[in-house]
Amino acid sequence: MVRQVAELENNMNSVERVVHYAQSLEQEAAHEIADSPVSPDWPSQGKIVMKDVVMRYRPELPPVLKGLSMTISPGEKIGVVGRLVSPFVLGSP
């Protein structure tokens, strides 16, 4: 009996969460913007340049990347190795 009540409570919490997500959260932006000032052929080059990048997991934590500089040429394949489970926060050291 106790287990069934606990399962019912868990299921009702799930329903409450879905209702909250469906009705209370702000709708995200559209994937494509009709009046976009960006050219349809953008990006034309596909090059990424990073200079002296500093990243941290949260603003109050110390930087985990310090002074990272690199250039990734168009068509170049790269690999990212390591634990990237959280978004970084860009900032100064």
PDB file of N, CA and C in Angstrom:
ATOM      1  N   MET A   1       0.819  -1.194   0.000  1.00  0.00           N
ATOM      2  CA  MET A   1       0.000   0.000   0.000  1.00  0.00           C
ATOM      3  C   MET A   1       0.869   1.267   0.000  1.00  0.00           C
ATOM      4  N   VAL A   2       1.897   1.271   0.866  1.00  0.00           N
ATOM      5  CA  VAL A   2       2.778   2.438   0.951  1.00  0.00           C
ATOM      6  C   VAL A   2       3.518   2.638  -0.365  1.00  0.00           C
ATOM      7  N   ARG A   3       3.980   1.557  -0.964  1.00  0.00           N
ATOM      8  CA  ARG A   3       4.694   1.649  -2.240  1.00  0.00           C
ATOM      9  C   ARG A   3       3.790   2.219  -3.321  1.00  0.00           C
ATOM     10  N   GLN A   4       2.516   1.808  -3.363  1.00  0.00           N
ATOM     11  CA  GLN A   4       1.590   2.310  -4.367  1.00  0.00           C
ATOM     12  C   GLN A   4       1.328   3.802  -4.179  1.00  0.00           C
ATOM     13  N   VAL A   5       1.234   4.256  -2.935  1.00  0.00           N
ATOM     14  CA  VAL A   5       1.036   5.682  -2.670  1.00  0.00           C
ATOM     15  C   VAL A   5       2.269   6.468  -3.117  1.00  0.00           C
ATOM     16  N   ALA A   6       3.448   5.940  -2.852  1.00  0.00           N
ATOM     17  CA  ALA A   6       4.686   6.606  -3.278  1.00  0.00           C
ATOM     18  C   ALA A   6       4.768   6.679  -4.801  1.00  0.00           C
ATOM     19  N   GLU A   7       4.410   5.611  -5.491  1.00  0.00           N
ATOM     20  CA  GLU A   7       4.413   5.614  -6.956  1.00  0.00           C
ATOM     21  C   GLU A   7       3.395   6.610  -7.495  1.00  0.00           C
ATOM     22  N   LEU A   8       2.212   6.678  -6.884  1.00  0.00           N
ATOM     23  CA  LEU A   8       1.185   7.629  -7.317  1.00  0.00           C
ATOM     24  C   LEU A   8       1.688   9.057  -7.138  1.00  0.00           C
ATOM     25  N   GLU A   9       2.328   9.331  -6.010  1.00  0.00           N
ATOM     26  CA  GLU A   9       2.866  10.669  -5.776  1.00  0.00           C
ATOM     27  C   GLU A   9       3.932  11.024  -6.814  1.00  0.00           C
ATOM     28  N   ASN A  10       4.808  10.083  -7.135  1.00  0.00           N
ATOM     29  CA  ASN A  10       5.823  10.323  -8.173  1.00  0.00           C
ATOM     30  C   ASN A  10       5.176  10.602  -9.523  1.00  0.00           C
ATOM     31  N   ASN A  11       4.165   9.850  -9.873  1.00  0.00           N
ATOM     32  CA  ASN A  11       3.481  10.065 -11.146  1.00  0.00           C
ATOM     33  C   ASN A  11       2.791  11.427 -11.185  1.00  0.00           C
ATOM     34  N   MET A  12       2.178  11.829 -10.070  1.00  0.00           N
ATOM     35  CA  MET A  12       1.526  13.140 -10.033  1.00  0.00           C
ATOM     36  C   MET A  12       2.551  14.261 -10.121  1.00  0.00           C
ATOM     37  N   ASN A  13       3.715  14.084  -9.507  1.00  0.00           N
ATOM     38  CA  ASN A  13       4.787  15.076  -9.641  1.00  0.00           C
ATOM     39  C   ASN A  13       5.223  15.201 -11.095  1.00  0.00           C
ATOM     40  N   SER A  14       5.278  14.090 -11.797  1.00  0.00           N
ATOM     41  CA  SER A  14       5.645  14.120 -13.221  1.00  0.00           C
ATOM     42  C   SER A  14       4.608  14.882 -14.023  1.00  0.00           C
ATOM     43  N   VAL A  15       3.345  14.651 -13.728  1.00  0.00           N
ATOM     44  CA  VAL A  15       2.268  15.358 -14.432  1.00  0.00           C
ATOM     45  C   VAL A  15       2.355  16.850 -14.143  1.00  0.00           C
ATOM     46  N   GLU A  16       2.578  17.221 -12.887  1.00  0.00           N
ATOM     47  CA  GLU A  16       2.719  18.640 -12.540  1.00  0.00           C
ATOM     48  C   GLU A  16       3.873  19.281 -13.301  1.00  0.00           C
ATOM     49  N   ARG A  17       4.967  18.573 -13.423  1.00  0.00           N
ATOM     50  CA  ARG A  17       6.133  19.092 -14.129  1.00  0.00           C
ATOM     51  C   ARG A  17       5.831  19.305 -15.608  1.00  0.00           C
ATOM     52  N   VAL A  18       5.158  18.352 -16.240  1.00  0.00           N
ATOM     53  CA  VAL A  18       4.811  18.486 -17.662  1.00  0.00           C
ATOM     54  C   VAL A  18       3.861  19.656 -17.862  1.00  0.00           C
ATOM     55  N   VAL A  19       2.873  19.807 -16.987  1.00  0.00           N
ATOM     56  CA  VAL A  19       1.942  20.935 -17.092  1.00  0.00           C
ATOM     57  C   VAL A  19       2.691  22.251 -16.932  1.00  0.00           C
ATOM     58  N   HIS A  20       3.612  22.311 -15.986  1.00  0.00           N
ATOM     59  CA  HIS A  20       4.409  23.528 -15.798  1.00  0.00           C
ATOM     60  C   HIS A  20       5.210  23.848 -17.056  1.00  0.00           C
ATOM     61  N   TYR A  21       5.876  22.856 -17.631  1.00  0.00           N
ATOM     62  CA  TYR A  21       6.658  23.076 -18.850  1.00  0.00           C
ATOM     63  C   TYR A  21       5.767  23.522 -20.004  1.00  0.00           C
ATOM     64  N   ALA A  22       4.583  22.965 -20.103  1.00  0.00           N
ATOM     65  CA  ALA A  22       3.699  23.272 -21.225  1.00  0.00           C
ATOM     66  C   ALA A  22       3.057  24.650 -21.103  1.00  0.00           C
ATOM     67  N   GLN A  23       2.792  25.104 -19.881  1.00  0.00           N
ATOM     68  CA  GLN A  23       2.020  26.334 -19.719  1.00  0.00           C
ATOM     69  C   GLN A  23       2.819  27.509 -19.173  1.00  0.00           C
ATOM     70  N   SER A  24       3.851  27.276 -18.397  1.00  0.00           N
ATOM     71  CA  SER A  24       4.505  28.370 -17.673  1.00  0.00           C
ATOM     72  C   SER A  24       5.816  28.843 -18.283  1.00  0.00           C
ATOM     73  N   LEU A  25       6.493  27.993 -19.006  1.00  0.00           N
ATOM     74  CA  LEU A  25       7.789  28.385 -19.546  1.00  0.00           C
ATOM     75  C   LEU A  25       7.626  29.202 -20.814  1.00  0.00           C
ATOM     76  N   GLU A  26       8.554  30.152 -20.982  1.00  0.00           N
ATOM     77  CA  GLU A  26       8.529  30.997 -22.168  1.00  0.00           C
ATOM     78  C   GLU A  26       8.906  30.193 -23.412  1.00  0.00           C
ATOM     79  N   GLN A  27       8.210  30.442 -24.499  1.00  0.00           N
ATOM     80  CA  GLN A  27       8.480  29.741 -25.753  1.00  0.00           C
ATOM     81  C   GLN A  27       9.837  30.165 -26.292  1.00  0.00           C
ATOM     82  N   GLU A  28      10.628  29.219 -26.753  1.00  0.00           N
ATOM     83  CA  GLU A  28      11.933  29.555 -27.308  1.00  0.00           C
ATOM     84  C   GLU A  28      11.789  30.196 -28.680  1.00  0.00           C
ATOM     85  N   ALA A  29      12.837  30.871 -29.105  1.00  0.00           N
ATOM     86  CA  ALA A  29      12.820  31.578 -30.386  1.00  0.00           C
ATOM     87  C   ALA A  29      12.711  30.602 -31.550  1.00  0.00           C
ATOM     88  N   ALA A  30      12.209  31.116 -32.649  1.00  0.00           N
ATOM     89  CA  ALA A  30      12.072  30.299 -33.850  1.00  0.00           C
ATOM     90  C   ALA A  30      13.452  29.899 -34.383  1.00  0.00           C
ATOM     91  N   HIS A  31      13.511  28.741 -35.030  1.00  0.00           N
ATOM     92  CA  HIS A  31      14.784  28.262 -35.568  1.00  0.00           C
ATOM     93  C   HIS A  31      15.276  29.163 -36.698  1.00  0.00           C
ATOM     94  N   GLU A  32      14.366  29.626 -37.522  1.00  0.00           N
ATOM     95  CA  GLU A  32      14.713  30.525 -38.614  1.00  0.00           C
ATOM     96  C   GLU A  32      13.960  31.828 -38.439  1.00  0.00           C
ATOM     97  N   ILE A  33      14.663  32.942 -38.618  1.00  0.00           N
ATOM     98  CA  ILE A  33      14.057  34.263 -38.483  1.00  0.00           C
ATOM     99  C   ILE A  33      13.788  34.807 -39.873  1.00  0.00           C
ATOM    100  N   ALA A  34      12.556  35.220 -40.114  1.00  0.00           N
ATOM    101  CA  ALA A  34      12.148  35.649 -41.458  1.00  0.00           C
ATOM    102  C   ALA A  34      12.911  36.885 -41.929  1.00  0.00           C
ATOM    103  N   ASP A  35      13.068  37.891 -41.091  1.00  0.00           N
ATOM    104  CA  ASP A  35      13.735  39.132 -41.485  1.00  0.00           C
ATOM    105  C   ASP A  35      15.193  39.146 -41.041  1.00  0.00           C
ATOM    106  N   SER A  36      15.900  38.072 -41.292  1.00  0.00           N
ATOM    107  CA  SER A  36      17.286  37.941 -40.848  1.00  0.00           C
ATOM    108  C   SER A  36      18.219  38.777 -41.722  1.00  0.00           C
ATOM    109  N   PRO A  37      19.098  39.589 -41.093  1.00  0.00           N
ATOM    110  CA  PRO A  37      20.048  40.373 -41.880  1.00  0.00           C
ATOM    111  C   PRO A  37      21.246  39.543 -42.362  1.00  0.00           C
ATOM    112  N   VAL A  38      21.303  38.292 -41.992  1.00  0.00           N
ATOM    113  CA  VAL A  38      22.426  37.438 -42.371  1.00  0.00           C
ATOM    114  C   VAL A  38      22.242  36.944 -43.806  1.00  0.00           C
ATOM    115  N   SER A  39      23.316  36.995 -44.555  1.00  0.00           N
ATOM    116  CA  SER A  39      23.300  36.537 -45.947  1.00  0.00           C
ATOM    117  C   SER A  39      23.028  35.035 -46.006  1.00  0.00           C
ATOM    118  N   PRO A  40      22.280  34.560 -47.001  1.00  0.00           N
ATOM    119  CA  PRO A  40      21.991  33.126 -47.102  1.00  0.00           C
ATOM    120  C   PRO A  40      23.230  32.247 -47.292  1.00  0.00           C
ATOM    121  N   ASP A  41      24.304  32.796 -47.837  1.00  0.00           N
ATOM    122  CA  ASP A  41      25.509  32.000 -48.044  1.00  0.00           C
ATOM    123  C   ASP A  41      26.483  32.114 -46.866  1.00  0.00           C
ATOM    124  N   TRP A  42      26.039  32.712 -45.749  1.00  0.00           N
ATOM    125  CA  TRP A  42      26.884  32.810 -44.558  1.00  0.00           C
ATOM    126  C   TRP A  42      26.918  31.482 -43.844  1.00  0.00           C
ATOM    127  N   PRO A  43      27.975  30.988 -43.319  1.00  0.00           N
ATOM    128  CA  PRO A  43      29.330  31.527 -43.434  1.00  0.00           C
ATOM    129  C   PRO A  43      29.957  31.114 -44.761  1.00  0.00           C
ATOM    130  N   SER A  44      30.630  32.020 -45.385  1.00  0.00           N
ATOM    131  CA  SER A  44      31.205  31.730 -46.702  1.00  0.00           C
ATOM    132  C   SER A  44      32.569  31.053 -46.590  1.00  0.00           C
ATOM    133  N   GLN A  45      33.247  31.252 -45.467  1.00  0.00           N
ATOM    134  CA  GLN A  45      34.599  30.737 -45.357  1.00  0.00           C
ATOM    135  C   GLN A  45      34.698  29.526 -44.431  1.00  0.00           C
ATOM    136  N   GLY A  46      33.978  29.504 -43.357  1.00  0.00           N
ATOM    137  CA  GLY A  46      34.034  28.377 -42.437  1.00  0.00           C
ATOM    138  C   GLY A  46      35.271  28.344 -41.574  1.00  0.00           C
ATOM    139  N   LYS A  47      35.869  29.477 -41.317  1.00  0.00           N
ATOM    140  CA  LYS A  47      37.091  29.568 -40.542  1.00  0.00           C
ATOM    141  C   LYS A  47      36.759  30.051 -39.128  1.00  0.00           C
ATOM    142  N   ILE A  48      37.401  29.436 -38.120  1.00  0.00           N
ATOM    143  CA  ILE A  48      37.211  29.834 -36.727  1.00  0.00           C
ATOM    144  C   ILE A  48      38.551  30.283 -36.173  1.00  0.00           C
ATOM    145  N   VAL A  49      38.574  31.486 -35.613  1.00  0.00           N
ATOM    146  CA  VAL A  49      39.792  32.027 -35.017  1.00  0.00           C
ATOM    147  C   VAL A  49      39.485  32.360 -33.554  1.00  0.00           C
ATOM    148  N   MET A  50      40.285  31.818 -32.657  1.00  0.00           N
ATOM    149  CA  MET A  50      40.145  32.099 -31.230  1.00  0.00           C
ATOM    150  C   MET A  50      41.472  32.665 -30.740  1.00  0.00           C
ATOM    151  N   LYS A  51      41.418  33.794 -30.029  1.00  0.00           N
ATOM    152  CA  LYS A  51      42.644  34.427 -29.535  1.00  0.00           C
ATOM    153  C   LYS A  51      42.513  34.686 -28.042  1.00  0.00           C
ATOM    154  N   ASP A  52      43.446  34.130 -27.274  1.00  0.00           N
ATOM    155  CA  ASP A  52      43.526  34.340 -25.826  1.00  0.00           C
ATOM    156  C   ASP A  52      42.187  34.113 -25.122  1.00  0.00           C
ATOM    157  N   VAL A  53      41.535  33.003 -25.405  1.00  0.00           N
ATOM    158  CA  VAL A  53      40.238  32.674 -24.820  1.00  0.00           C
ATOM    159  C   VAL A  53      40.428  32.174 -23.390  1.00  0.00           C
ATOM    160  N   VAL A  54      39.588  32.674 -22.500  1.00  0.00           N
ATOM    161  CA  VAL A  54      39.573  32.236 -21.109  1.00  0.00           C
ATOM    162  C   VAL A  54      38.165  31.735 -20.819  1.00  0.00           C
ATOM    163  N   MET A  55      38.072  30.510 -20.297  1.00  0.00           N
ATOM    164  CA  MET A  55      36.761  29.932 -20.009  1.00  0.00           C
ATOM    165  C   MET A  55      36.743  29.352 -18.603  1.00  0.00           C
ATOM    166  N   ARG A  56      35.557  29.419 -17.992  1.00  0.00           N
ATOM    167  CA  ARG A  56      35.342  28.835 -16.669  1.00  0.00           C
ATOM    168  C   ARG A  56      33.949  28.222 -16.643  1.00  0.00           C
ATOM    169  N   TYR A  57      33.734  27.267 -15.749  1.00  0.00           N
ATOM    170  CA  TYR A  57      32.450  26.594 -15.670  1.00  0.00           C
ATOM    171  C   TYR A  57      31.373  27.489 -15.068  1.00  0.00           C
ATOM    172  N   ARG A  58      31.745  28.298 -14.080  1.00  0.00           N
ATOM    173  CA  ARG A  58      30.830  29.251 -13.473  1.00  0.00           C
ATOM    174  C   ARG A  58      31.620  30.509 -13.147  1.00  0.00           C
ATOM    175  N   PRO A  59      30.948  31.653 -13.088  1.00  0.00           N
ATOM    176  CA  PRO A  59      31.689  32.905 -12.851  1.00  0.00           C
ATOM    177  C   PRO A  59      32.530  32.909 -11.578  1.00  0.00           C
ATOM    178  N   GLU A  60      32.095  32.233 -10.537  1.00  0.00           N
ATOM    179  CA  GLU A  60      32.838  32.269  -9.277  1.00  0.00           C
ATOM    180  C   GLU A  60      33.995  31.267  -9.213  1.00  0.00           C
ATOM    181  N   LEU A  61      34.125  30.399 -10.214  1.00  0.00           N
ATOM    182  CA  LEU A  61      35.189  29.389 -10.228  1.00  0.00           C
ATOM    183  C   LEU A  61      36.396  29.890 -11.007  1.00  0.00           C
ATOM    184  N   PRO A  62      37.574  29.324 -10.744  1.00  0.00           N
ATOM    185  CA  PRO A  62      38.774  29.732 -11.490  1.00  0.00           C
ATOM    186  C   PRO A  62      38.706  29.251 -12.942  1.00  0.00           C
ATOM    187  N   PRO A  63      39.439  29.918 -13.817  1.00  0.00           N
ATOM    188  CA  PRO A  63      39.435  29.515 -15.234  1.00  0.00           C
ATOM    189  C   PRO A  63      39.979  28.098 -15.420  1.00  0.00           C
ATOM    190  N   VAL A  64      39.388  27.371 -16.366  1.00  0.00           N
ATOM    191  CA  VAL A  64      39.876  26.039 -16.710  1.00  0.00           C
ATOM    192  C   VAL A  64      40.633  26.076 -18.036  1.00  0.00           C
ATOM    193  N   LEU A  65      40.362  27.061 -18.853  1.00  0.00           N
ATOM    194  CA  LEU A  65      41.156  27.328 -20.055  1.00  0.00           C
ATOM    195  C   LEU A  65      41.686  28.748 -19.919  1.00  0.00           C
ATOM    196  N   LYS A  66      42.982  28.914 -20.134  1.00  0.00           N
ATOM    197  CA  LYS A  66      43.599  30.232 -19.966  1.00  0.00           C
ATOM    198  C   LYS A  66      44.446  30.544 -21.183  1.00  0.00           C
ATOM    199  N   GLY A  67      44.085  31.583 -21.902  1.00  0.00           N
ATOM    200  CA  GLY A  67      44.897  32.038 -23.019  1.00  0.00           C
ATOM    201  C   GLY A  67      44.917  31.096 -24.209  1.00  0.00           C
ATOM    202  N   LEU A  68      43.822  30.404 -24.464  1.00  0.00           N
ATOM    203  CA  LEU A  68      43.753  29.478 -25.592  1.00  0.00           C
ATOM    204  C   LEU A  68      43.666  30.253 -26.899  1.00  0.00           C
ATOM    205  N   SER A  69      44.567  29.975 -27.816  1.00  0.00           N
ATOM    206  CA  SER A  69      44.557  30.592 -29.145  1.00  0.00           C
ATOM    207  C   SER A  69      44.670  29.499 -30.188  1.00  0.00           C
ATOM    208  N   MET A  70      43.835  29.570 -31.206  1.00  0.00           N
ATOM    209  CA  MET A  70      43.917  28.597 -32.301  1.00  0.00           C
ATOM    210  C   MET A  70      43.140  29.103 -33.501  1.00  0.00           C
ATOM    211  N   THR A  71      43.485  28.549 -34.632  1.00  0.00           N
ATOM    212  CA  THR A  71      42.780  28.830 -35.879  1.00  0.00           C
ATOM    213  C   THR A  71      42.385  27.503 -36.501  1.00  0.00           C
ATOM    214  N   ILE A  72      41.113  27.366 -36.832  1.00  0.00           N
ATOM    215  CA  ILE A  72      40.611  26.164 -37.497  1.00  0.00           C
ATOM    216  C   ILE A  72      40.258  26.573 -38.915  1.00  0.00           C
ATOM    217  N   SER A  73      40.962  26.008 -39.869  1.00  0.00           N
ATOM    218  CA  SER A  73      40.773  26.355 -41.278  1.00  0.00           C
ATOM    219  C   SER A  73      39.534  25.687 -41.845  1.00  0.00           C
ATOM    220  N   PRO A  74      38.977  26.240 -42.927  1.00  0.00           N
ATOM    221  CA  PRO A  74      37.805  25.640 -43.566  1.00  0.00           C
ATOM    222  C   PRO A  74      38.068  24.191 -43.965  1.00  0.00           C
ATOM    223  N   GLY A  75      37.158  23.305 -43.649  1.00  0.00           N
ATOM    224  CA  GLY A  75      37.279  21.898 -44.011  1.00  0.00           C
ATOM    225  C   GLY A  75      38.171  21.087 -43.102  1.00  0.00           C
ATOM    226  N   GLU A  76      38.841  21.727 -42.166  1.00  0.00           N
ATOM    227  CA  GLU A  76      39.742  21.031 -41.257  1.00  0.00           C
ATOM    228  C   GLU A  76      38.932  20.280 -40.206  1.00  0.00           C
ATOM    229  N   LYS A  77      39.346  19.060 -39.929  1.00  0.00           N
ATOM    230  CA  LYS A  77      38.666  18.249 -38.927  1.00  0.00           C
ATOM    231  C   LYS A  77      39.437  18.334 -37.623  1.00  0.00           C
ATOM    232  N   ILE A  78      38.700  18.532 -36.529  1.00  0.00           N
ATOM    233  CA  ILE A  78      39.333  18.598 -35.215  1.00  0.00           C
ATOM    234  C   ILE A  78      38.619  17.636 -34.275  1.00  0.00           C
ATOM    235  N   GLY A  79      39.253  17.318 -33.195  1.00  0.00           N
ATOM    236  CA  GLY A  79      38.643  16.496 -32.160  1.00  0.00           C
ATOM    237  C   GLY A  79      38.802  17.182 -30.820  1.00  0.00           C
ATOM    238  N   VAL A  80      37.775  17.075 -29.997  1.00  0.00           N
ATOM    239  CA  VAL A  80      37.817  17.638 -28.658  1.00  0.00           C
ATOM    240  C   VAL A  80      37.876  16.474 -27.686  1.00  0.00           C
ATOM    241  N   VAL A  81      38.903  16.452 -26.858  1.00  0.00           N
ATOM    242  CA  VAL A  81      39.115  15.352 -25.936  1.00  0.00           C
ATOM    243  C   VAL A  81      38.996  15.887 -24.510  1.00  0.00           C
ATOM    244  N   GLY A  82      38.287  15.166 -23.694  1.00  0.00           N
ATOM    245  CA  GLY A  82      38.166  15.559 -22.292  1.00  0.00           C
ATOM    246  C   GLY A  82      36.714  15.585 -21.869  1.00  0.00           C
ATOM    247  N   ARG A  83      36.512  16.030 -20.659  1.00  0.00           N
ATOM    248  CA  ARG A  83      35.174  16.078 -20.092  1.00  0.00           C
ATOM    249  C   ARG A  83      34.556  17.434 -20.379  1.00  0.00           C
ATOM    250  N   LEU A  84      33.626  17.464 -21.273  1.00  0.00           N
ATOM    251  CA  LEU A  84      32.913  18.709 -21.598  1.00  0.00           C
ATOM    252  C   LEU A  84      31.444  18.508 -21.270  1.00  0.00           C
ATOM    253  N   VAL A  85      31.140  18.359 -19.995  1.00  0.00           N
ATOM    254  CA  VAL A  85      29.776  18.064 -19.595  1.00  0.00           C
ATOM    255  C   VAL A  85      29.003  19.312 -19.222  1.00  0.00           C
ATOM    256  N   SER A  86      29.675  20.437 -19.035  1.00  0.00           N
ATOM    257  CA  SER A  86      29.006  21.674 -18.636  1.00  0.00           C
ATOM    258  C   SER A  86      29.393  22.787 -19.585  1.00  0.00           C
ATOM    259  N   PRO A  87      28.489  23.743 -19.760  1.00  0.00           N
ATOM    260  CA  PRO A  87      28.858  24.891 -20.604  1.00  0.00           C
ATOM    261  C   PRO A  87      29.888  25.778 -19.900  1.00  0.00           C
ATOM    262  N   PHE A  88      30.756  26.366 -20.673  1.00  0.00           N
ATOM    263  CA  PHE A  88      31.757  27.268 -20.128  1.00  0.00           C
ATOM    264  C   PHE A  88      31.193  28.676 -20.055  1.00  0.00           C
ATOM    265  N   VAL A  89      31.799  29.499 -19.223  1.00  0.00           N
ATOM    266  CA  VAL A  89      31.486  30.912 -19.159  1.00  0.00           C
ATOM    267  C   VAL A  89      32.722  31.655 -19.648  1.00  0.00           C
ATOM    268  N   LEU A  90      32.555  32.458 -20.697  1.00  0.00           N
ATOM    269  CA  LEU A  90      33.678  33.243 -21.196  1.00  0.00           C
ATOM    270  C   LEU A  90      33.924  34.406 -20.258  1.00  0.00           C
ATOM    271  N   GLY A  91      35.178  34.724 -20.029  1.00  0.00           N
ATOM    272  CA  GLY A  91      35.478  35.846 -19.153  1.00  0.00           C
ATOM    273  C   GLY A  91      36.957  36.115 -19.089  1.00  0.00           C
ATOM    274  N   SER A  92      37.315  37.018 -18.223  1.00  0.00           N
ATOM    275  CA  SER A  92      38.715  37.372 -18.068  1.00  0.00           C
ATOM    276  C   SER A  92      39.306  36.595 -16.890  1.00  0.00           C
ATOM    277  N   PRO A  93      40.631  36.411 -16.880  1.00  0.00           N
ATOM    278  CA  PRO A  93      41.265  35.643 -15.789  1.00  0.00           C
ATOM    279  C   PRO A  93      41.122  36.349 -14.511  1.00  0.00           C
TER     280      PRO A  93
END
